[in-house]
């Protein structure tokens, strides 16, 4: 995808260069988008990446689901989160252990159930309630799943 940038402002924030612009998205919004880099070129490249991400988010909002199953949507979310800035820990990206924990939850708490293959557009409240009842009864190594694991699954389910 080729992004044509209009006016981009650059300024230094400490030792980092910030690039900022506003961009008209397909959903009609015009947010201010910014990115940081060691220099102007890196900041501009990251700005273009951020714009592409915003465009894909806007396109998804226009056409929610886009024929994705829960399984595909959660896999995509995990991959996107792998590269995100971790605000809680102030890290440039999430640790591999955190991503692997999410993948393990996907494998054990979503994949085995019928809801994993349902299209996002076709999910009903009844489907989610049925799924939540199923995983509350689920066992892993002859133990029930912990509340934190179940919460992780339900958070992915509702996102």
N, C-alpha and C. Protein backbone atom coordinates (compact mmCIF):
# COMPACT_ATOMS: atom_id res chain seq x y z
N UNK A 1 0.85 -1.17 0.00
CA UNK A 1 0.00 0.00 0.00
C UNK A 1 0.90 1.23 0.00
N UNK A 2 0.60 2.15 -0.90
CA UNK A 2 1.38 3.39 -0.97
C UNK A 2 0.64 4.47 -0.18
N UNK A 3 1.34 5.07 0.75
CA UNK A 3 0.77 6.12 1.58
C UNK A 3 1.33 7.45 1.10
N UNK A 4 0.45 8.37 0.74
CA UNK A 4 0.89 9.71 0.37
C UNK A 4 0.70 10.60 1.58
N UNK A 5 1.80 11.07 2.11
CA UNK A 5 1.75 11.92 3.29
C UNK A 5 1.57 13.37 2.88
N UNK A 6 0.77 14.07 3.65
CA UNK A 6 0.66 15.51 3.45
C UNK A 6 1.74 16.17 4.29
N UNK A 7 1.35 17.17 5.06
CA UNK A 7 2.29 17.89 5.91
C UNK A 7 2.65 17.04 7.12
N UNK A 8 3.94 16.82 7.30
CA UNK A 8 4.45 16.07 8.44
C UNK A 8 5.33 17.02 9.24
N UNK A 9 5.07 17.10 10.55
CA UNK A 9 5.93 17.93 11.38
C UNK A 9 6.89 17.03 12.15
N UNK A 10 8.12 17.49 12.26
CA UNK A 10 9.16 16.75 12.96
C UNK A 10 9.67 17.61 14.11
N UNK A 11 9.90 16.99 15.26
CA UNK A 11 10.55 17.70 16.34
C UNK A 11 11.30 16.69 17.21
N UNK A 12 12.24 17.18 17.96
CA UNK A 12 13.06 16.30 18.80
C UNK A 12 12.43 16.21 20.19
N UNK A 13 12.33 15.01 20.69
CA UNK A 13 11.84 14.75 22.05
C UNK A 13 12.96 13.99 22.75
N UNK A 14 13.76 14.71 23.48
CA UNK A 14 14.95 14.10 24.07
C UNK A 14 15.91 13.74 22.95
N UNK A 15 16.28 12.49 22.87
CA UNK A 15 17.20 12.06 21.81
C UNK A 15 16.44 11.42 20.64
N UNK A 16 15.10 11.44 20.69
CA UNK A 16 14.29 10.80 19.66
C UNK A 16 13.61 11.85 18.79
N UNK A 17 13.40 11.54 17.54
CA UNK A 17 12.72 12.41 16.60
C UNK A 17 11.26 11.97 16.51
N UNK A 18 10.34 12.92 16.64
CA UNK A 18 8.92 12.62 16.54
C UNK A 18 8.39 13.14 15.21
N UNK A 19 7.63 12.29 14.51
CA UNK A 19 6.96 12.69 13.27
C UNK A 19 5.46 12.65 13.55
N UNK A 20 4.75 13.74 13.18
CA UNK A 20 3.31 13.82 13.42
C UNK A 20 2.60 14.30 12.17
N UNK A 21 1.41 13.78 11.95
CA UNK A 21 0.58 14.24 10.85
C UNK A 21 -0.87 13.87 11.16
N UNK A 22 -1.79 14.46 10.42
CA UNK A 22 -3.17 14.01 10.46
C UNK A 22 -3.43 13.32 9.12
N UNK A 23 -4.28 12.30 9.15
CA UNK A 23 -4.49 11.51 7.95
C UNK A 23 -5.96 11.12 7.86
N UNK A 24 -6.56 11.32 6.71
CA UNK A 24 -7.96 10.97 6.49
C UNK A 24 -8.08 9.46 6.29
N UNK A 25 -8.78 8.80 7.21
CA UNK A 25 -8.95 7.35 7.15
C UNK A 25 -10.21 6.99 6.36
N UNK A 26 -10.32 5.74 5.92
CA UNK A 26 -11.48 5.33 5.13
C UNK A 26 -12.82 5.47 5.85
N UNK A 27 -12.80 5.48 7.19
CA UNK A 27 -14.06 5.63 7.92
C UNK A 27 -14.46 7.09 8.10
N UNK A 28 -13.68 8.02 7.54
CA UNK A 28 -14.01 9.44 7.58
C UNK A 28 -13.38 10.21 8.72
N UNK A 29 -12.71 9.53 9.64
CA UNK A 29 -12.05 10.22 10.74
C UNK A 29 -10.70 10.74 10.28
N UNK A 30 -10.20 11.73 11.00
CA UNK A 30 -8.91 12.31 10.64
C UNK A 30 -8.07 12.46 11.92
N UNK A 31 -7.55 11.33 12.43
CA UNK A 31 -6.78 11.40 13.68
C UNK A 31 -5.36 11.93 13.47
N UNK A 32 -4.79 12.43 14.56
CA UNK A 32 -3.38 12.80 14.53
C UNK A 32 -2.59 11.53 14.83
N UNK A 33 -1.67 11.22 13.96
CA UNK A 33 -0.87 10.00 14.09
C UNK A 33 0.58 10.42 14.26
N UNK A 34 1.27 9.74 15.16
CA UNK A 34 2.68 10.09 15.38
C UNK A 34 3.51 8.83 15.57
N UNK A 35 4.81 9.02 15.40
CA UNK A 35 5.76 7.92 15.58
C UNK A 35 7.11 8.52 15.95
N UNK A 36 7.91 7.70 16.59
CA UNK A 36 9.25 8.13 17.02
C UNK A 36 10.32 7.29 16.35
N UNK A 37 11.46 7.89 16.15
CA UNK A 37 12.60 7.18 15.60
C UNK A 37 13.88 7.87 16.00
N UNK A 38 15.01 7.25 15.68
CA UNK A 38 16.31 7.84 16.01
C UNK A 38 16.55 9.10 15.18
N UNK A 39 16.02 9.11 13.98
CA UNK A 39 16.17 10.27 13.09
C UNK A 39 14.89 10.44 12.28
N UNK A 40 14.90 11.43 11.37
CA UNK A 40 13.72 11.72 10.56
C UNK A 40 13.28 10.54 9.71
N UNK A 41 14.23 9.90 9.07
CA UNK A 41 13.88 8.78 8.17
C UNK A 41 13.20 7.65 8.94
N UNK A 42 13.78 7.26 10.08
CA UNK A 42 13.19 6.19 10.88
C UNK A 42 11.82 6.60 11.41
N UNK A 43 11.69 7.84 11.87
CA UNK A 43 10.40 8.32 12.36
C UNK A 43 9.36 8.31 11.25
N UNK A 44 9.75 8.72 10.04
CA UNK A 44 8.81 8.72 8.92
C UNK A 44 8.39 7.30 8.55
N UNK A 45 9.34 6.37 8.52
CA UNK A 45 9.01 4.97 8.22
C UNK A 45 8.03 4.40 9.25
N UNK A 46 8.26 4.70 10.51
CA UNK A 46 7.37 4.21 11.56
C UNK A 46 6.01 4.91 11.48
N UNK A 47 6.01 6.18 11.08
CA UNK A 47 4.75 6.90 10.89
C UNK A 47 3.91 6.22 9.80
N UNK A 48 4.55 5.85 8.72
CA UNK A 48 3.83 5.17 7.63
C UNK A 48 3.28 3.83 8.13
N UNK A 49 4.06 3.10 8.93
CA UNK A 49 3.58 1.84 9.51
C UNK A 49 2.35 2.08 10.38
N UNK A 50 2.40 3.14 11.21
CA UNK A 50 1.27 3.46 12.08
C UNK A 50 0.04 3.84 11.27
N UNK A 51 0.24 4.57 10.19
CA UNK A 51 -0.89 4.94 9.33
C UNK A 51 -1.51 3.68 8.71
N UNK A 52 -0.66 2.77 8.22
CA UNK A 52 -1.17 1.53 7.64
C UNK A 52 -1.97 0.73 8.67
N UNK A 53 -1.47 0.71 9.92
CA UNK A 53 -2.19 0.00 10.98
C UNK A 53 -3.55 0.66 11.23
N UNK A 54 -3.57 2.00 11.27
CA UNK A 54 -4.83 2.73 11.48
C UNK A 54 -5.80 2.48 10.33
N UNK A 55 -5.29 2.42 9.11
CA UNK A 55 -6.15 2.16 7.96
C UNK A 55 -6.77 0.78 8.07
N UNK A 56 -5.96 -0.21 8.43
CA UNK A 56 -6.51 -1.58 8.55
C UNK A 56 -7.53 -1.65 9.69
N UNK A 57 -7.28 -0.94 10.80
CA UNK A 57 -8.25 -0.90 11.89
C UNK A 57 -9.55 -0.24 11.43
N UNK A 58 -9.42 0.85 10.67
CA UNK A 58 -10.61 1.55 10.17
C UNK A 58 -11.38 0.67 9.20
N UNK A 59 -10.67 -0.04 8.34
CA UNK A 59 -11.34 -0.93 7.39
C UNK A 59 -12.05 -2.06 8.13
N UNK A 60 -11.43 -2.55 9.19
CA UNK A 60 -12.06 -3.60 9.99
C UNK A 60 -13.31 -3.06 10.66
N UNK A 61 -13.26 -1.81 11.13
CA UNK A 61 -14.43 -1.21 11.78
C UNK A 61 -15.56 -1.00 10.78
N UNK A 62 -15.22 -0.69 9.53
CA UNK A 62 -16.25 -0.52 8.50
C UNK A 62 -16.88 -1.87 8.18
N UNK A 63 -16.07 -2.91 8.12
CA UNK A 63 -16.54 -4.24 7.78
C UNK A 63 -16.17 -5.20 8.89
N UNK A 64 -16.83 -5.11 10.07
CA UNK A 64 -16.44 -5.93 11.19
C UNK A 64 -16.55 -7.41 10.87
N UNK A 65 -15.60 -8.15 11.38
CA UNK A 65 -15.62 -9.58 11.16
C UNK A 65 -14.92 -9.96 9.88
N UNK A 66 -15.28 -9.32 8.79
CA UNK A 66 -14.68 -9.59 7.48
C UNK A 66 -14.48 -11.10 7.26
N UNK A 67 -15.51 -11.86 7.64
CA UNK A 67 -15.50 -13.31 7.49
C UNK A 67 -14.38 -13.99 8.27
N UNK A 68 -14.02 -13.44 9.41
CA UNK A 68 -13.02 -14.06 10.28
C UNK A 68 -13.70 -14.93 11.32
N UNK A 69 -13.06 -16.03 11.65
CA UNK A 69 -13.55 -16.84 12.76
C UNK A 69 -12.91 -16.30 14.05
N UNK A 70 -13.47 -16.72 15.16
CA UNK A 70 -12.89 -16.33 16.46
C UNK A 70 -11.42 -16.74 16.51
N UNK A 71 -11.13 -17.94 16.06
CA UNK A 71 -9.76 -18.45 16.09
C UNK A 71 -8.82 -17.55 15.28
N UNK A 72 -9.22 -17.19 14.07
CA UNK A 72 -8.39 -16.32 13.24
C UNK A 72 -8.22 -14.94 13.87
N UNK A 73 -9.31 -14.41 14.42
CA UNK A 73 -9.25 -13.08 15.04
C UNK A 73 -8.32 -13.05 16.24
N UNK A 74 -8.38 -14.08 17.07
CA UNK A 74 -7.52 -14.13 18.26
C UNK A 74 -6.07 -14.34 17.85
N UNK A 75 -5.81 -15.19 16.86
CA UNK A 75 -4.44 -15.38 16.39
C UNK A 75 -3.87 -14.06 15.87
N UNK A 76 -4.68 -13.32 15.12
CA UNK A 76 -4.24 -12.01 14.61
C UNK A 76 -3.96 -11.04 15.75
N UNK A 77 -4.85 -11.03 16.73
CA UNK A 77 -4.67 -10.14 17.88
C UNK A 77 -3.38 -10.47 18.63
N UNK A 78 -3.10 -11.73 18.83
CA UNK A 78 -1.87 -12.13 19.54
C UNK A 78 -0.65 -11.66 18.76
N UNK A 79 -0.66 -11.84 17.45
CA UNK A 79 0.49 -11.42 16.63
C UNK A 79 0.66 -9.90 16.65
N UNK A 80 -0.45 -9.16 16.62
CA UNK A 80 -0.36 -7.70 16.68
C UNK A 80 0.19 -7.26 18.04
N UNK A 81 -0.28 -7.88 19.10
CA UNK A 81 0.16 -7.51 20.44
C UNK A 81 1.62 -7.84 20.68
N UNK A 82 2.16 -8.81 19.93
CA UNK A 82 3.56 -9.20 20.11
C UNK A 82 4.49 -8.04 19.83
N UNK A 83 4.13 -7.18 18.90
CA UNK A 83 5.00 -6.07 18.51
C UNK A 83 4.62 -4.74 19.15
N UNK A 84 3.55 -4.71 19.93
CA UNK A 84 3.11 -3.46 20.54
C UNK A 84 4.02 -3.03 21.68
N UNK A 85 4.03 -1.75 21.91
CA UNK A 85 4.73 -1.19 23.07
C UNK A 85 4.00 -1.64 24.32
N UNK A 86 4.70 -2.18 25.29
CA UNK A 86 4.09 -2.65 26.53
C UNK A 86 4.07 -1.49 27.52
N UNK A 87 2.93 -0.81 27.60
CA UNK A 87 2.83 0.37 28.46
C UNK A 87 2.98 0.01 29.93
N UNK A 88 2.45 -1.14 30.32
CA UNK A 88 2.52 -1.54 31.72
C UNK A 88 3.94 -1.71 32.21
N UNK A 89 4.79 -2.27 31.37
CA UNK A 89 6.17 -2.53 31.75
C UNK A 89 7.17 -1.58 31.09
N UNK A 90 6.68 -0.68 30.27
CA UNK A 90 7.52 0.30 29.57
C UNK A 90 8.61 -0.38 28.76
N UNK A 91 8.19 -1.39 27.98
CA UNK A 91 9.11 -2.10 27.09
C UNK A 91 8.73 -1.81 25.65
N UNK A 92 9.71 -1.90 24.76
CA UNK A 92 9.44 -1.64 23.35
C UNK A 92 8.49 -2.67 22.75
N UNK A 93 8.54 -3.89 23.23
CA UNK A 93 7.55 -4.87 22.80
C UNK A 93 7.36 -5.89 23.91
N UNK A 94 6.31 -6.67 23.80
CA UNK A 94 6.00 -7.65 24.85
C UNK A 94 7.02 -8.79 24.83
N UNK A 95 7.25 -9.36 25.98
CA UNK A 95 8.22 -10.43 26.11
C UNK A 95 7.71 -11.71 25.46
N UNK A 96 8.62 -12.52 24.92
CA UNK A 96 8.21 -13.78 24.27
C UNK A 96 7.41 -14.69 25.21
N UNK A 97 7.72 -14.66 26.51
CA UNK A 97 7.00 -15.50 27.47
C UNK A 97 5.53 -15.09 27.54
N UNK A 98 5.27 -13.78 27.47
CA UNK A 98 3.89 -13.30 27.52
C UNK A 98 3.12 -13.73 26.28
N UNK A 99 3.75 -13.62 25.13
CA UNK A 99 3.11 -14.02 23.88
C UNK A 99 2.87 -15.52 23.88
N UNK A 100 3.84 -16.29 24.36
CA UNK A 100 3.67 -17.75 24.39
C UNK A 100 2.54 -18.13 25.33
N UNK A 101 2.39 -17.44 26.44
CA UNK A 101 1.30 -17.72 27.37
C UNK A 101 -0.05 -17.47 26.68
N UNK A 102 -0.13 -16.39 25.90
CA UNK A 102 -1.36 -16.11 25.14
C UNK A 102 -1.62 -17.21 24.12
N UNK A 103 -0.58 -17.67 23.43
CA UNK A 103 -0.74 -18.74 22.44
C UNK A 103 -1.19 -20.04 23.11
N UNK A 104 -0.65 -20.33 24.29
CA UNK A 104 -1.06 -21.54 25.01
C UNK A 104 -2.53 -21.46 25.43
N UNK A 105 -2.96 -20.28 25.87
CA UNK A 105 -4.37 -20.10 26.22
C UNK A 105 -5.25 -20.29 24.99
N UNK A 106 -4.82 -19.77 23.86
CA UNK A 106 -5.57 -19.95 22.61
C UNK A 106 -5.70 -21.43 22.30
N UNK A 107 -4.57 -22.14 22.41
CA UNK A 107 -4.54 -23.56 22.06
C UNK A 107 -5.43 -24.40 22.98
N UNK A 108 -5.44 -24.08 24.27
CA UNK A 108 -6.17 -24.93 25.21
C UNK A 108 -7.56 -24.41 25.57
N UNK A 109 -7.79 -23.11 25.45
CA UNK A 109 -9.07 -22.55 25.90
C UNK A 109 -9.98 -22.07 24.78
N UNK A 110 -9.51 -22.02 23.57
CA UNK A 110 -10.38 -21.57 22.48
C UNK A 110 -10.45 -22.62 21.37
N UNK A 111 -9.29 -23.10 20.91
CA UNK A 111 -9.26 -24.04 19.77
C UNK A 111 -10.14 -25.27 19.94
N UNK A 112 -10.15 -25.91 21.11
CA UNK A 112 -10.92 -27.16 21.22
C UNK A 112 -12.44 -26.98 21.18
N UNK A 113 -12.94 -25.79 21.27
CA UNK A 113 -14.38 -25.56 21.42
C UNK A 113 -15.01 -25.12 20.10
N UNK A 114 -16.31 -25.39 19.99
CA UNK A 114 -17.05 -25.08 18.76
C UNK A 114 -17.00 -23.60 18.41
N UNK A 115 -16.96 -22.75 19.39
CA UNK A 115 -17.00 -21.31 19.14
C UNK A 115 -15.79 -20.84 18.33
N UNK A 116 -14.70 -21.58 18.35
CA UNK A 116 -13.49 -21.19 17.65
C UNK A 116 -13.71 -21.07 16.15
N UNK A 117 -14.62 -21.85 15.61
CA UNK A 117 -14.85 -21.86 14.17
C UNK A 117 -16.05 -21.03 13.73
N UNK A 118 -16.67 -20.32 14.67
CA UNK A 118 -17.80 -19.46 14.31
C UNK A 118 -17.28 -18.13 13.77
N UNK A 119 -17.99 -17.59 12.79
CA UNK A 119 -17.63 -16.28 12.25
C UNK A 119 -17.97 -15.20 13.27
N UNK A 120 -17.13 -14.17 13.34
CA UNK A 120 -17.35 -13.10 14.30
C UNK A 120 -18.73 -12.46 14.13
N UNK A 121 -19.16 -12.31 12.88
CA UNK A 121 -20.45 -11.67 12.62
C UNK A 121 -21.63 -12.51 13.10
N UNK A 122 -21.42 -13.80 13.32
CA UNK A 122 -22.51 -14.70 13.68
C UNK A 122 -22.52 -15.09 15.16
N UNK A 123 -21.64 -14.55 15.96
CA UNK A 123 -21.58 -14.87 17.38
C UNK A 123 -22.75 -14.21 18.09
N UNK A 124 -23.42 -14.99 18.94
CA UNK A 124 -24.52 -14.46 19.73
C UNK A 124 -24.14 -14.52 21.21
N UNK A 125 -24.91 -13.84 22.01
CA UNK A 125 -24.69 -13.87 23.46
C UNK A 125 -24.84 -15.30 23.96
N UNK A 126 -25.78 -16.03 23.41
CA UNK A 126 -25.99 -17.43 23.81
C UNK A 126 -24.73 -18.26 23.53
N UNK A 127 -24.08 -18.01 22.39
CA UNK A 127 -22.84 -18.74 22.07
C UNK A 127 -21.76 -18.47 23.11
N UNK A 128 -21.62 -17.23 23.50
CA UNK A 128 -20.60 -16.86 24.48
C UNK A 128 -20.93 -17.46 25.84
N UNK A 129 -22.20 -17.40 26.24
CA UNK A 129 -22.60 -17.99 27.52
C UNK A 129 -22.32 -19.49 27.54
N UNK A 130 -22.65 -20.17 26.43
CA UNK A 130 -22.41 -21.60 26.33
C UNK A 130 -20.91 -21.91 26.43
N UNK A 131 -20.11 -21.10 25.73
CA UNK A 131 -18.65 -21.28 25.77
C UNK A 131 -18.11 -21.07 27.19
N UNK A 132 -18.58 -20.04 27.86
CA UNK A 132 -18.09 -19.75 29.21
C UNK A 132 -18.46 -20.90 30.16
N UNK A 133 -19.64 -21.48 29.99
CA UNK A 133 -20.02 -22.64 30.81
C UNK A 133 -19.10 -23.82 30.54
N UNK A 134 -18.75 -24.02 29.26
CA UNK A 134 -17.87 -25.14 28.89
C UNK A 134 -16.48 -24.98 29.50
N UNK A 135 -15.91 -23.78 29.41
CA UNK A 135 -14.53 -23.65 29.91
C UNK A 135 -14.46 -23.61 31.44
N UNK A 136 -15.56 -23.24 32.10
CA UNK A 136 -15.55 -23.30 33.56
C UNK A 136 -15.47 -24.74 34.05
N UNK A 137 -15.97 -25.67 33.24
CA UNK A 137 -15.93 -27.09 33.59
C UNK A 137 -14.66 -27.78 33.08
N UNK A 138 -13.91 -27.10 32.24
CA UNK A 138 -12.73 -27.70 31.61
C UNK A 138 -11.62 -27.96 32.62
N UNK A 139 -10.87 -29.01 32.37
CA UNK A 139 -9.74 -29.34 33.24
C UNK A 139 -8.48 -29.42 32.41
N UNK A 140 -7.37 -29.12 33.07
CA UNK A 140 -6.05 -29.18 32.45
C UNK A 140 -5.15 -29.91 33.43
N UNK A 141 -4.60 -31.03 33.02
CA UNK A 141 -3.79 -31.87 33.92
C UNK A 141 -4.56 -32.21 35.20
N UNK A 142 -5.82 -32.61 35.03
CA UNK A 142 -6.72 -32.99 36.14
C UNK A 142 -6.97 -31.89 37.15
N UNK A 143 -6.76 -30.65 36.76
CA UNK A 143 -7.06 -29.50 37.62
C UNK A 143 -7.94 -28.55 36.82
N UNK A 144 -8.78 -27.82 37.53
CA UNK A 144 -9.57 -26.80 36.85
C UNK A 144 -8.65 -25.65 36.49
N UNK A 145 -8.99 -24.94 35.42
CA UNK A 145 -8.19 -23.78 35.04
C UNK A 145 -8.30 -22.70 36.10
N UNK A 146 -7.24 -21.94 36.27
CA UNK A 146 -7.25 -20.85 37.24
C UNK A 146 -8.14 -19.72 36.74
N UNK A 147 -8.56 -18.88 37.66
CA UNK A 147 -9.41 -17.75 37.30
C UNK A 147 -8.68 -16.82 36.33
N UNK A 148 -7.36 -16.66 36.50
CA UNK A 148 -6.63 -15.75 35.61
C UNK A 148 -6.59 -16.30 34.18
N UNK A 149 -6.49 -17.62 34.02
CA UNK A 149 -6.52 -18.20 32.67
C UNK A 149 -7.88 -18.03 32.04
N UNK A 150 -8.92 -18.24 32.82
CA UNK A 150 -10.28 -18.07 32.29
C UNK A 150 -10.54 -16.61 31.94
N UNK A 151 -10.05 -15.72 32.76
CA UNK A 151 -10.20 -14.29 32.43
C UNK A 151 -9.48 -13.95 31.15
N UNK A 152 -8.30 -14.50 30.95
CA UNK A 152 -7.53 -14.24 29.73
C UNK A 152 -8.33 -14.72 28.51
N UNK A 153 -8.95 -15.89 28.61
CA UNK A 153 -9.75 -16.42 27.50
C UNK A 153 -10.96 -15.55 27.25
N UNK A 154 -11.63 -15.11 28.32
CA UNK A 154 -12.84 -14.31 28.11
C UNK A 154 -12.50 -12.93 27.58
N UNK A 155 -11.35 -12.37 27.95
CA UNK A 155 -10.94 -11.08 27.40
C UNK A 155 -10.68 -11.21 25.91
N UNK A 156 -9.97 -12.28 25.47
CA UNK A 156 -9.74 -12.49 24.04
C UNK A 156 -11.07 -12.69 23.33
N UNK A 157 -11.99 -13.40 23.99
CA UNK A 157 -13.27 -13.72 23.38
C UNK A 157 -14.07 -12.45 23.07
N UNK A 158 -14.01 -11.49 23.97
CA UNK A 158 -14.82 -10.28 23.79
C UNK A 158 -14.13 -9.22 22.97
N UNK A 159 -12.83 -9.34 22.71
CA UNK A 159 -12.13 -8.36 21.88
C UNK A 159 -12.26 -8.75 20.50
